[in-house]
């Protein structure tokens, strides 16, 4: 598995986790759980921003990385 493929998989996994947390937040009636899910979604979104930035950096440094 190439670095590009691994990065794409990591990004997809984090996107999925963030979406799940947002869905859980919308579906729960428990305010404490809602807050927890919202915070987790924000954390995943921040991680996603970092991963996307890293992916762009790698692509500029290593043109062969582009998939």
C-alpha atoms as a PDB file:
ATOM      1  CA  UNK A   1       0.000   0.000   0.000  1.00  0.00           C
ATOM      2  CA  UNK A   2       1.420   3.361  -0.986  1.00  0.00           C
ATOM      3  CA  UNK A   3       1.668   6.400   1.252  1.00  0.00           C
ATOM      4  CA  UNK A   4      -0.933   8.073  -0.962  1.00  0.00           C
ATOM      5  CA  UNK A   5      -3.392   5.251  -0.474  1.00  0.00           C
ATOM      6  CA  UNK A   6      -2.774   5.207   3.273  1.00  0.00           C
ATOM      7  CA  UNK A   7      -3.321   8.952   3.515  1.00  0.00           C
ATOM      8  CA  UNK A   8      -6.535   8.740   1.508  1.00  0.00           C
ATOM      9  CA  UNK A   9      -7.787   5.953   3.760  1.00  0.00           C
ATOM     10  CA  UNK A  10      -6.918   7.909   6.893  1.00  0.00           C
ATOM     11  CA  UNK A  11      -8.774  10.959   5.599  1.00  0.00           C
ATOM     12  CA  UNK A  12     -11.823   8.869   4.672  1.00  0.00           C
ATOM     13  CA  UNK A  13     -11.822   7.220   8.097  1.00  0.00           C
ATOM     14  CA  UNK A  14     -11.688  10.532   9.930  1.00  0.00           C
ATOM     15  CA  UNK A  15     -14.420  11.973   7.676  1.00  0.00           C
ATOM     16  CA  UNK A  16     -16.612   8.986   8.469  1.00  0.00           C
ATOM     17  CA  UNK A  17     -15.984   9.275  12.201  1.00  0.00           C
ATOM     18  CA  UNK A  18     -16.815  13.007  12.156  1.00  0.00           C
ATOM     19  CA  UNK A  19     -20.035  12.328  10.245  1.00  0.00           C
ATOM     20  CA  UNK A  20     -21.014   9.619  12.720  1.00  0.00           C
ATOM     21  CA  UNK A  21     -20.476  11.938  15.683  1.00  0.00           C
ATOM     22  CA  UNK A  22     -22.593  14.645  14.018  1.00  0.00           C
ATOM     23  CA  UNK A  23     -25.364  12.122  13.360  1.00  0.00           C
ATOM     24  CA  UNK A  24     -25.240  10.838  16.944  1.00  0.00           C
ATOM     25  CA  UNK A  25     -25.409  14.411  18.203  1.00  0.00           C
ATOM     26  CA  UNK A  26     -28.532  15.098  16.161  1.00  0.00           C
ATOM     27  CA  UNK A  27     -30.235  11.859  17.142  1.00  0.00           C
ATOM     28  CA  UNK A  28     -29.700  11.845  20.899  1.00  0.00           C
ATOM     29  CA  UNK A  29     -32.014  13.520  23.382  1.00  0.00           C
ATOM     30  CA  UNK A  30     -29.416  13.375  26.166  1.00  0.00           C
ATOM     31  CA  UNK A  31     -27.862  16.846  26.371  1.00  0.00           C
ATOM     32  CA  UNK A  32     -24.636  15.607  27.949  1.00  0.00           C
ATOM     33  CA  UNK A  33     -24.181  13.010  25.204  1.00  0.00           C
ATOM     34  CA  UNK A  34     -25.080  15.615  22.558  1.00  0.00           C
ATOM     35  CA  UNK A  35     -22.347  17.900  23.852  1.00  0.00           C
ATOM     36  CA  UNK A  36     -19.832  15.052  23.891  1.00  0.00           C
ATOM     37  CA  UNK A  37     -20.658  14.059  20.317  1.00  0.00           C
ATOM     38  CA  UNK A  38     -20.422  17.672  19.154  1.00  0.00           C
ATOM     39  CA  UNK A  39     -17.013  18.047  20.775  1.00  0.00           C
ATOM     40  CA  UNK A  40     -15.795  14.806  19.243  1.00  0.00           C
ATOM     41  CA  UNK A  41     -17.013  15.971  15.818  1.00  0.00           C
ATOM     42  CA  UNK A  42     -15.033  19.199  16.240  1.00  0.00           C
ATOM     43  CA  UNK A  43     -11.961  17.208  17.209  1.00  0.00           C
ATOM     44  CA  UNK A  44     -12.295  14.993  14.136  1.00  0.00           C
ATOM     45  CA  UNK A  45     -12.840  18.065  11.939  1.00  0.00           C
ATOM     46  CA  UNK A  46      -9.629  19.590  13.292  1.00  0.00           C
ATOM     47  CA  UNK A  47      -7.772  16.328  12.624  1.00  0.00           C
ATOM     48  CA  UNK A  48      -9.224  16.283   9.120  1.00  0.00           C
ATOM     49  CA  UNK A  49      -7.919  19.791   8.465  1.00  0.00           C
ATOM     50  CA  UNK A  50      -4.463  18.692   9.615  1.00  0.00           C
ATOM     51  CA  UNK A  51      -4.522  15.572   7.440  1.00  0.00           C
ATOM     52  CA  UNK A  52      -5.691  17.498   4.372  1.00  0.00           C
ATOM     53  CA  UNK A  53      -2.947  20.056   4.908  1.00  0.00           C
ATOM     54  CA  UNK A  54      -0.380  17.321   5.282  1.00  0.00           C
ATOM     55  CA  UNK A  55      -1.608  15.617   2.135  1.00  0.00           C
ATOM     56  CA  UNK A  56      -1.280  18.855   0.150  1.00  0.00           C
ATOM     57  CA  UNK A  57       2.215  19.444   1.533  1.00  0.00           C
ATOM     58  CA  UNK A  58       3.328  15.945   0.608  1.00  0.00           C
ATOM     59  CA  UNK A  59       1.949  16.359  -2.913  1.00  0.00           C
ATOM     60  CA  UNK A  60       4.020  19.502  -3.435  1.00  0.00           C
ATOM     61  CA  UNK A  61       7.146  17.868  -2.052  1.00  0.00           C
ATOM     62  CA  UNK A  62       6.714  14.486  -3.701  1.00  0.00           C
ATOM     63  CA  UNK A  63       4.950  14.714  -7.085  1.00  0.00           C
ATOM     64  CA  UNK A  64       4.991  10.920  -7.429  1.00  0.00           C
ATOM     65  CA  UNK A  65       2.679  10.784  -4.403  1.00  0.00           C
ATOM     66  CA  UNK A  66      -0.322  12.096  -6.366  1.00  0.00           C
ATOM     67  CA  UNK A  67      -2.829   9.377  -7.024  1.00  0.00           C
END
